[in-house]
Protein backbone atom coordinates (compact mmCIF):
# COMPACT_ATOMS: atom_id res chain seq x y z
CA UNK A 1 88.74 14.92 110.06
CA UNK A 2 91.74 16.06 108.08
CA UNK A 3 90.30 17.89 104.95
CA UNK A 4 92.51 19.10 102.11
CA UNK A 5 91.41 21.57 99.48
CA UNK A 6 93.59 22.54 96.56
CA UNK A 7 93.30 25.48 94.76
CA UNK A 8 93.72 26.23 90.83
CA UNK A 9 97.24 26.96 89.20
CA UNK A 10 96.17 30.39 88.33
CA UNK A 11 95.38 31.39 92.19
CA UNK A 12 98.09 33.40 93.60
CA UNK A 13 99.74 32.20 96.43
CA UNK A 14 97.62 31.64 99.52
CA UNK A 15 100.46 32.62 101.94
CA UNK A 16 100.76 36.12 100.74
CA UNK A 17 100.09 38.76 103.76
CA UNK A 18 96.99 40.13 102.10
CA UNK A 19 95.43 36.86 100.75
CA UNK A 20 96.39 34.72 104.00
CA UNK A 21 94.75 37.49 106.22
CA UNK A 22 91.50 37.27 104.49
CA UNK A 23 91.35 33.23 103.82
CA UNK A 24 91.97 33.42 107.53
CA UNK A 25 89.26 35.63 108.50
CA UNK A 26 86.91 33.59 106.11
CA UNK A 27 87.63 30.48 107.73
CA UNK A 28 87.22 31.68 111.29
CA UNK A 29 83.93 33.22 110.27
CA UNK A 30 82.57 30.06 109.02
CA UNK A 31 84.12 27.75 111.78
CA UNK A 32 80.95 26.92 113.72
CA UNK A 33 78.02 25.57 112.68
CA UNK A 34 75.56 23.21 114.61
CA UNK A 35 76.66 20.10 113.30
CA UNK A 36 80.43 21.31 112.06
CA UNK A 37 83.35 22.81 113.54
CA UNK A 38 87.00 23.99 112.36
CA UNK A 39 89.02 23.20 115.00
CA UNK A 40 92.53 24.30 113.07
CA UNK A 41 93.81 25.03 109.85
CA UNK A 42 97.10 25.42 107.94
CA UNK A 43 97.35 27.52 104.85
CA UNK A 44 99.90 26.58 102.24
CA UNK A 45 100.90 28.31 98.90
CA UNK A 46 98.61 26.16 97.11
CA UNK A 47 96.26 24.37 99.29
CA UNK A 48 94.36 24.41 103.15
CA UNK A 49 94.62 21.58 105.63
CA UNK A 50 91.63 21.81 107.72
CA UNK A 51 90.89 19.83 110.94
CA UNK A 52 87.32 19.41 111.37
CA UNK A 53 84.70 17.54 113.35
CA UNK A 54 81.05 16.82 111.72
CA UNK A 55 78.38 15.05 112.84
CA UNK A 56 78.03 12.82 109.72
CA UNK A 57 78.89 13.04 106.20
CA UNK A 58 76.21 15.67 105.42
CA UNK A 59 77.15 17.68 107.96
CA UNK A 60 80.78 17.47 106.61
CA UNK A 61 79.79 18.07 103.17
CA UNK A 62 77.85 20.97 103.93
CA UNK A 63 80.43 22.64 106.18
CA UNK A 64 83.16 22.18 103.81
CA UNK A 65 81.20 23.59 100.96
CA UNK A 66 80.39 26.57 103.12
CA UNK A 67 83.99 27.09 104.27
CA UNK A 68 85.09 26.92 100.48
CA UNK A 69 82.46 29.47 99.39
CA UNK A 70 83.71 31.97 101.93
CA UNK A 71 87.44 31.22 101.14
CA UNK A 72 86.96 31.47 97.32
CA UNK A 73 85.50 35.06 97.73
CA UNK A 74 87.64 36.09 100.21
CA UNK A 75 90.72 34.83 97.77
CA UNK A 76 88.83 36.42 94.42
CA UNK A 77 88.67 39.94 96.59
CA UNK A 78 92.08 40.20 97.84
CA UNK A 79 93.61 39.05 94.49
CA UNK A 80 91.38 41.32 92.61
CA UNK A 81 90.00 38.42 90.59
CA UNK A 82 86.83 36.72 89.26
CA UNK A 83 86.73 32.79 88.50
CA UNK A 84 87.01 29.47 90.14
CA UNK A 85 89.31 28.88 93.27
CA UNK A 86 89.41 25.43 93.97
CA UNK A 87 90.43 22.89 91.66
CA UNK A 88 88.65 19.94 92.57
CA UNK A 89 86.36 18.48 95.53
CA UNK A 90 87.82 18.38 98.80
CA UNK A 91 89.93 15.47 100.09
CA UNK A 92 88.86 13.88 103.42
CA UNK A 93 90.66 11.45 105.99
CA UNK A 94 89.09 10.10 109.12
CA UNK A 95 91.62 10.63 112.15
CA UNK A 96 91.72 7.85 114.22
CA UNK A 97 93.81 10.00 117.06
CA UNK A 98 93.61 13.70 118.15
CA UNK A 99 97.54 13.57 117.28
């Protein structure tokens, strides 16, 4: 499954050294749940691309939510800010092949 999450316009660039480092740590710390796995991620300036595996739609929703909370806290800590980080709900696309 390919998941995209976009951040609010007022959130600093996610690719700055400190923010990207904290985002990567947050993603890897939340990467494994029994029914949800983060396979790969890409940090862009204003959004994240995640390749995940989930046992079902509920596991996907809970897993992405858990990752989003971790990432939002990491971004806010790194940028010394408060408030919402993500602009909207994630977008998910089923991958038919692994490439």
